[in-house]
């Protein structure tokens, strides 16, 4: 069995983080982040820079990147017949024309089925409510905007910065909250470990002999929802035959990001199309040998995944060191390499 059932005690995955440690802006240099390197076998860590990353892949290794592309999925509008702003975060498309969506809404309790929400150039009808408070919305574009929904989003949507970034999105975020290798549109949050890579860093990894393989996992509710029960919200993922062959042939698999880890492990567990795989302590990794990841929120499924890979006590001790050493946390923050 790859996953052991257990009763989760969320307090075991808690750590204290001063608000001042949460990165609010990207660094001027994508590759300028610090990198805490954890050696699982030796049980020690060292402070490095991300620019050192290409020193770690070796000939025959496979570097796995998630090529999902973030789209401007945050919308601001109002309810028909009411004053006050409504915020909508589109999570996953539910129709071929991409106009029916599962979405999170705020203020959530007030918005009921059959209500209409109005945005700049579009209107949405609330068709239903999900188990965790999400809504199903059907969009209608106004006038000559009745064509491509993603084209309208590019004009009217906002970059879905996470709530711990206490500012509005800017034009800079359109570029920086996106990896340089993003190709497949569908994520509502960036695969943040990938944000550090530049074309030069990728070339250096190839020069070291590593083969680069791409997976696509569209980040949705499964990645950032609060932990509830035994599984996560399903997220769409795909691995082409060519990339699957690269992963299977690699001497060692190095995944950039928890989403890449979940895609690879889901592939090896025979899953396809969607995955709700919840990796936590007790999980037996099938293929991933090393992992690059940013620092994650306390009590989150992402932190549990890292603890499953590196060990809970070792991981939390490293996090404590990172806090004391002034590392920058979360999406625009520094990173950790676990070997």
Protein backbone atom coordinates (compact mmCIF):
# COMPACT_ATOMS: atom_id res chain seq x y z
CA UNK A 1 0.00 0.00 0.00
CA UNK A 2 1.31 3.43 -0.92
CA UNK A 3 -0.74 5.36 1.62
CA UNK A 4 -1.34 4.46 5.26
CA UNK A 5 -4.56 5.64 6.84
CA UNK A 6 -4.06 7.54 10.06
CA UNK A 7 -5.80 10.04 12.27
CA UNK A 8 -4.35 13.46 11.52
CA UNK A 9 -3.39 15.76 14.35
CA UNK A 10 -2.98 19.10 12.60
CA UNK A 11 -1.13 20.60 15.56
CA UNK A 12 1.79 18.27 14.73
CA UNK A 13 2.31 20.30 11.55
CA UNK A 14 2.23 23.75 13.14
CA UNK A 15 5.09 26.22 13.38
CA UNK A 16 5.30 29.89 14.29
CA UNK A 17 5.99 32.37 11.51
CA UNK A 18 6.24 36.13 12.02
CA UNK A 19 4.17 38.02 9.48
CA UNK A 20 7.31 39.93 8.52
CA UNK A 21 8.76 36.69 7.09
CA UNK A 22 6.06 36.41 4.41
CA UNK A 23 7.38 37.69 1.07
CA UNK A 24 5.12 40.36 -0.39
CA UNK A 25 7.04 41.00 -3.62
CA UNK A 26 9.15 38.89 -5.96
CA UNK A 27 12.89 39.41 -5.94
CA UNK A 28 14.26 41.53 -8.77
CA UNK A 29 16.21 38.45 -9.91
CA UNK A 30 14.17 35.25 -10.39
CA UNK A 31 17.16 33.09 -9.53
CA UNK A 32 18.27 35.24 -6.58
CA UNK A 33 16.47 33.28 -3.84
CA UNK A 34 18.15 31.55 -0.95
CA UNK A 35 17.99 27.76 -0.91
CA UNK A 36 18.07 25.62 2.23
CA UNK A 37 19.49 22.21 1.27
CA UNK A 38 18.35 19.27 3.38
CA UNK A 39 20.36 16.03 3.27
CA UNK A 40 18.01 13.31 4.50
CA UNK A 41 20.67 10.62 4.80
CA UNK A 42 23.05 12.78 6.83
CA UNK A 43 20.28 14.49 8.79
CA UNK A 44 21.73 17.96 8.27
CA UNK A 45 21.11 21.11 6.23
CA UNK A 46 23.14 23.95 4.78
CA UNK A 47 22.34 27.45 3.57
CA UNK A 48 22.90 27.92 -0.16
CA UNK A 49 21.59 30.07 -3.01
CA UNK A 50 19.23 28.87 -5.72
CA UNK A 51 21.90 29.68 -8.30
CA UNK A 52 23.72 26.64 -6.88
CA UNK A 53 20.85 24.35 -7.92
CA UNK A 54 22.46 23.15 -11.19
CA UNK A 55 25.31 21.66 -9.11
CA UNK A 56 22.95 19.00 -7.77
CA UNK A 57 21.51 17.28 -10.90
CA UNK A 58 23.85 14.70 -12.41
CA UNK A 59 24.05 12.77 -15.67
CA UNK A 60 21.04 10.51 -16.03
CA UNK A 61 18.85 12.45 -13.61
CA UNK A 62 15.39 13.65 -14.58
CA UNK A 63 14.26 17.14 -13.55
CA UNK A 64 10.44 17.26 -13.51
CA UNK A 65 8.68 20.61 -13.97
CA UNK A 66 4.98 21.46 -13.88
CA UNK A 67 4.20 23.45 -17.05
CA UNK A 68 0.69 24.54 -15.97
CA UNK A 69 0.00 28.20 -16.68
CA UNK A 70 -1.75 30.54 -14.24
CA UNK A 71 -4.64 32.54 -15.69
CA UNK A 72 -6.16 35.76 -14.25
CA UNK A 73 -8.85 33.92 -12.32
CA UNK A 74 -9.79 36.54 -9.71
CA UNK A 75 -12.79 38.71 -10.57
CA UNK A 76 -14.39 41.66 -8.81
CA UNK A 77 -18.03 42.61 -9.36
CA UNK A 78 -21.35 43.02 -7.55
CA UNK A 79 -24.62 41.18 -6.94
CA UNK A 80 -27.64 42.28 -8.95
CA UNK A 81 -29.87 44.27 -6.60
CA UNK A 82 -27.22 44.72 -3.89
CA UNK A 83 -24.43 47.14 -3.15
CA UNK A 84 -21.00 46.07 -2.06
CA UNK A 85 -18.20 44.25 -3.87
CA UNK A 86 -18.19 40.55 -4.66
CA UNK A 87 -14.93 38.66 -5.19
CA UNK A 88 -14.84 35.46 -7.24
CA UNK A 89 -11.95 33.02 -7.66
CA UNK A 90 -12.48 30.68 -10.60
CA UNK A 91 -11.17 27.23 -9.70
CA UNK A 92 -11.97 24.78 -12.51
CA UNK A 93 -13.83 24.86 -15.80
CA UNK A 94 -16.88 22.61 -16.08
CA UNK A 95 -17.90 23.06 -19.73
CA UNK A 96 -16.33 22.77 -23.18
CA UNK A 97 -16.83 26.47 -23.87
CA UNK A 98 -15.12 27.35 -20.54
CA UNK A 99 -18.08 29.45 -19.38
CA UNK A 100 -19.30 27.19 -16.55
CA UNK A 101 -17.02 27.18 -13.53
CA UNK A 102 -16.55 25.93 -10.03
CA UNK A 103 -15.62 29.04 -8.05
CA UNK A 104 -15.01 30.37 -4.57
CA UNK A 105 -17.00 33.50 -3.75
CA UNK A 106 -16.77 36.19 -1.11
CA UNK A 107 -18.84 37.01 0.84
CA UNK A 108 -19.76 33.34 0.52
CA UNK A 109 -22.70 32.98 2.89
CA UNK A 110 -24.73 35.70 1.27
CA UNK A 111 -24.59 34.50 -2.35
CA UNK A 112 -27.41 32.10 -3.16
CA UNK A 113 -28.38 29.86 -6.04
CA UNK A 114 -30.03 31.68 -9.01
CA UNK A 115 -28.47 35.01 -8.06
CA UNK A 116 -26.73 37.01 -10.77
CA UNK A 117 -23.30 38.56 -10.43
CA UNK A 118 -22.18 41.40 -12.69
CA UNK A 119 -18.59 42.06 -13.81
CA UNK A 120 -16.98 44.34 -16.37
CA UNK A 121 -18.35 42.98 -19.64
CA UNK A 122 -19.93 39.82 -18.25
CA UNK A 123 -22.66 38.44 -16.02
CA UNK A 124 -22.73 35.14 -14.13
CA UNK A 125 -25.65 33.11 -12.81
CA UNK A 126 -25.15 31.02 -9.67
CA UNK A 127 -26.27 27.51 -10.61
CA UNK A 128 -25.49 25.65 -7.41
CA UNK A 129 -23.47 25.24 -4.24
CA UNK A 130 -20.82 22.61 -3.46
CA UNK A 131 -19.94 20.62 -0.38
CA UNK A 132 -17.32 23.09 0.86
CA UNK A 133 -19.17 26.28 -0.04
CA UNK A 134 -17.90 26.61 -3.61
CA UNK A 135 -20.39 27.78 -6.26
CA UNK A 136 -21.09 26.73 -9.82
CA UNK A 137 -21.26 29.81 -12.05
CA UNK A 138 -22.42 30.14 -15.66
CA UNK A 139 -20.97 33.18 -17.45
CA UNK A 140 -22.50 35.21 -20.27
CA UNK A 141 -20.29 37.74 -22.03
CA UNK A 142 -21.81 41.04 -23.07
CA UNK A 143 -22.29 42.20 -26.66
CA UNK A 144 -19.38 41.58 -29.01
CA UNK A 145 -17.48 39.87 -26.19
CA UNK A 146 -19.46 36.66 -26.66
CA UNK A 147 -16.41 34.77 -27.96
CA UNK A 148 -13.42 33.31 -26.14
CA UNK A 149 -13.82 33.36 -22.37
CA UNK A 150 -10.08 33.28 -21.62
CA UNK A 151 -9.60 36.29 -23.89
CA UNK A 152 -12.12 38.18 -21.77
CA UNK A 153 -10.36 37.03 -18.60
CA UNK A 154 -7.03 38.36 -19.84
CA UNK A 155 -8.65 41.82 -20.01
CA UNK A 156 -10.91 41.75 -16.96
CA UNK A 157 -9.40 39.21 -14.56
CA UNK A 158 -6.77 39.73 -11.88
CA UNK A 159 -3.73 37.64 -10.99
CA UNK A 160 -4.86 35.27 -8.19
CA UNK A 161 -2.29 36.28 -5.60
CA UNK A 162 -2.75 34.29 -2.37
CA UNK A 163 -4.42 36.07 0.57
CA UNK A 164 -1.22 36.33 2.61
CA UNK A 165 0.14 38.77 0.00
CA UNK A 166 -1.42 41.94 1.36
CA UNK A 167 -1.62 44.06 -1.76
CA UNK A 168 -3.44 44.27 -5.06
CA UNK A 169 -1.94 42.59 -8.10
CA UNK A 170 0.12 44.62 -10.56
CA UNK A 171 1.28 44.24 -14.15
CA UNK A 172 4.55 42.84 -12.77
CA UNK A 173 2.66 39.90 -11.27
CA UNK A 174 1.38 38.91 -14.72
CA UNK A 175 4.96 37.95 -15.52
CA UNK A 176 6.44 37.00 -12.16
CA UNK A 177 3.56 34.89 -10.79
CA UNK A 178 4.23 32.58 -13.74
CA UNK A 179 7.06 30.17 -14.52
CA UNK A 180 9.22 30.78 -17.60
CA UNK A 181 8.18 27.33 -18.90
CA UNK A 182 4.40 27.69 -18.38
CA UNK A 183 2.49 26.36 -21.41
CA UNK A 184 -0.84 24.76 -20.46
CA UNK A 185 -3.47 27.23 -19.15
CA UNK A 186 -5.45 26.06 -16.13
CA UNK A 187 -3.96 26.93 -12.71
CA UNK A 188 -5.37 29.32 -10.13
CA UNK A 189 -2.10 29.39 -8.19
CA UNK A 190 1.47 29.20 -9.40
CA UNK A 191 3.60 26.06 -8.91
CA UNK A 192 5.85 28.29 -6.86
CA UNK A 193 9.05 26.22 -6.75
CA UNK A 194 9.19 26.69 -10.51
CA UNK A 195 9.19 30.48 -10.21
CA UNK A 196 12.92 30.49 -9.44
CA UNK A 197 14.01 28.96 -12.74
CA UNK A 198 15.41 31.03 -15.60
CA UNK A 199 16.32 29.80 -19.09
CA UNK A 200 19.98 30.00 -18.03
CA UNK A 201 19.42 27.81 -14.96
CA UNK A 202 17.53 25.26 -17.07
CA UNK A 203 20.37 25.23 -19.61
CA UNK A 204 22.86 24.67 -16.79
CA UNK A 205 20.83 21.68 -15.56
CA UNK A 206 20.87 20.23 -19.08
CA UNK A 207 24.59 20.90 -19.24
CA UNK A 208 25.02 18.87 -16.05
CA UNK A 209 23.45 15.91 -17.87
CA UNK A 210 19.90 16.08 -16.51
CA UNK A 211 16.97 15.43 -18.81
CA UNK A 212 13.98 17.75 -18.28
CA UNK A 213 10.49 16.25 -18.25
CA UNK A 214 7.24 18.18 -18.03
CA UNK A 215 4.02 17.24 -16.27
CA UNK A 216 0.84 19.29 -16.20
CA UNK A 217 -1.09 19.55 -12.94
CA UNK A 218 -3.57 22.42 -12.85
CA UNK A 219 -3.48 23.89 -9.36
CA UNK A 220 -6.96 24.14 -7.86
CA UNK A 221 -8.77 23.55 -4.59
CA UNK A 222 -6.79 20.39 -3.87
CA UNK A 223 -3.57 22.33 -3.38
CA UNK A 224 -4.70 25.09 -1.02
CA UNK A 225 -7.94 23.97 0.65
CA UNK A 226 -7.88 23.31 4.42
CA UNK A 227 -7.20 19.68 5.29
CA UNK A 228 -10.48 17.81 5.66
CA UNK A 229 -10.59 14.02 5.91
CA UNK A 230 -8.65 11.48 3.89
CA UNK A 231 -8.42 13.05 0.43
CA UNK A 232 -8.03 16.34 -1.39
CA UNK A 233 -10.18 18.03 -4.01
CA UNK A 234 -9.39 16.41 -7.36
CA UNK A 235 -7.12 18.39 -9.69
CA UNK A 236 -6.62 17.79 -13.41
CA UNK A 237 -3.25 16.41 -14.47
CA UNK A 238 -1.63 14.93 -17.54
CA UNK A 239 1.73 13.37 -18.39
CA UNK A 240 2.46 12.69 -22.06
CA UNK A 241 3.90 9.36 -23.15
CA UNK A 242 7.17 11.08 -24.04
CA UNK A 243 7.54 12.69 -20.63
CA UNK A 244 6.39 9.56 -18.83
CA UNK A 245 9.16 7.64 -20.61
CA UNK A 246 11.72 10.25 -19.49
CA UNK A 247 10.57 9.94 -15.87
CA UNK A 248 10.66 6.16 -15.94
CA UNK A 249 14.12 6.12 -17.52
CA UNK A 250 15.72 8.61 -15.12
CA UNK A 251 18.37 7.37 -12.75
CA UNK A 252 17.07 9.79 -10.14
CA UNK A 253 13.89 11.90 -10.29
CA UNK A 254 14.13 15.47 -8.97
CA UNK A 255 10.74 17.18 -8.79
CA UNK A 256 10.42 20.96 -8.78
CA UNK A 257 7.39 21.60 -6.60
CA UNK A 258 4.83 19.60 -4.67
CA UNK A 259 2.51 19.60 -7.70
CA UNK A 260 5.16 17.82 -9.75
CA UNK A 261 5.57 15.33 -6.90
CA UNK A 262 1.84 14.63 -6.82
CA UNK A 263 1.69 14.23 -10.60
CA UNK A 264 4.61 11.78 -10.69
CA UNK A 265 3.38 9.75 -7.75
CA UNK A 266 -0.16 9.71 -9.16
CA UNK A 267 1.25 8.46 -12.46
CA UNK A 268 3.03 5.61 -10.71
CA UNK A 269 -0.11 4.72 -8.78
CA UNK A 270 -1.95 4.32 -12.08
CA UNK A 271 -4.05 7.47 -11.86
CA UNK A 272 -4.87 9.59 -14.90
CA UNK A 273 -7.00 12.61 -15.78
CA UNK A 274 -7.55 13.77 -12.20
CA UNK A 275 -5.88 13.13 -8.87
CA UNK A 276 -6.95 13.68 -5.28
CA UNK A 277 -3.79 12.07 -3.91
CA UNK A 278 -3.10 13.25 -0.36
CA UNK A 279 0.57 12.66 0.47
CA UNK A 280 1.32 12.77 4.18
CA UNK A 281 3.52 10.88 6.67
CA UNK A 282 3.02 7.17 6.06
CA UNK A 283 3.10 7.53 2.27
CA UNK A 284 5.56 5.28 0.41
CA UNK A 285 7.09 7.25 -2.46
CA UNK A 286 7.19 5.30 -5.68
CA UNK A 287 9.49 7.36 -7.89
CA UNK A 288 10.49 10.78 -6.49
CA UNK A 289 14.07 10.88 -5.18
CA UNK A 290 14.65 14.60 -4.55
CA UNK A 291 12.43 17.66 -4.29
CA UNK A 292 12.74 21.42 -4.69
CA UNK A 293 9.97 23.26 -2.87
CA UNK A 294 9.10 26.64 -1.38
CA UNK A 295 8.13 27.00 2.28
CA UNK A 296 4.49 26.21 3.05
CA UNK A 297 1.74 27.29 5.43
CA UNK A 298 1.39 25.61 8.83
CA UNK A 299 -1.04 22.67 8.97
CA UNK A 300 -1.34 22.57 5.17
CA UNK A 301 -1.41 19.50 2.95
CA UNK A 302 1.71 20.85 1.21
CA UNK A 303 3.69 20.93 4.45
CA UNK A 304 2.46 17.40 5.19
CA UNK A 305 3.79 16.25 1.81
CA UNK A 306 7.22 17.69 2.61
CA UNK A 307 7.12 16.04 6.04
CA UNK A 308 6.27 12.72 4.38
CA UNK A 309 9.35 13.04 2.18
CA UNK A 310 11.90 14.40 4.67
CA UNK A 311 10.44 13.38 8.02
CA UNK A 312 8.25 15.56 10.21
CA UNK A 313 10.74 16.40 12.96
CA UNK A 314 13.58 17.05 10.50
CA UNK A 315 11.37 19.24 8.32
CA UNK A 316 10.01 21.33 11.19
CA UNK A 317 13.50 21.77 12.66
CA UNK A 318 14.66 23.04 9.25
CA UNK A 319 11.67 25.39 9.12
CA UNK A 320 12.60 26.73 12.56
CA UNK A 321 16.11 27.37 11.30
CA UNK A 322 14.75 29.11 8.18
CA UNK A 323 12.60 31.43 10.31
CA UNK A 324 15.53 32.35 12.56
CA UNK A 325 17.86 32.79 9.58
CA UNK A 326 15.50 35.24 7.91
CA UNK A 327 14.38 33.19 4.93
CA UNK A 328 11.48 34.64 2.94
CA UNK A 329 8.37 32.44 3.07
CA UNK A 330 5.59 31.30 0.73
CA UNK A 331 4.87 32.01 -2.92
CA UNK A 332 7.37 34.79 -3.63
CA UNK A 333 9.80 33.50 -1.02
CA UNK A 334 12.92 31.33 -0.84
CA UNK A 335 13.15 27.62 -1.42
CA UNK A 336 14.29 24.30 0.00
CA UNK A 337 16.03 21.42 -1.80
CA UNK A 338 15.59 18.00 -0.20
CA UNK A 339 18.00 15.30 -1.37
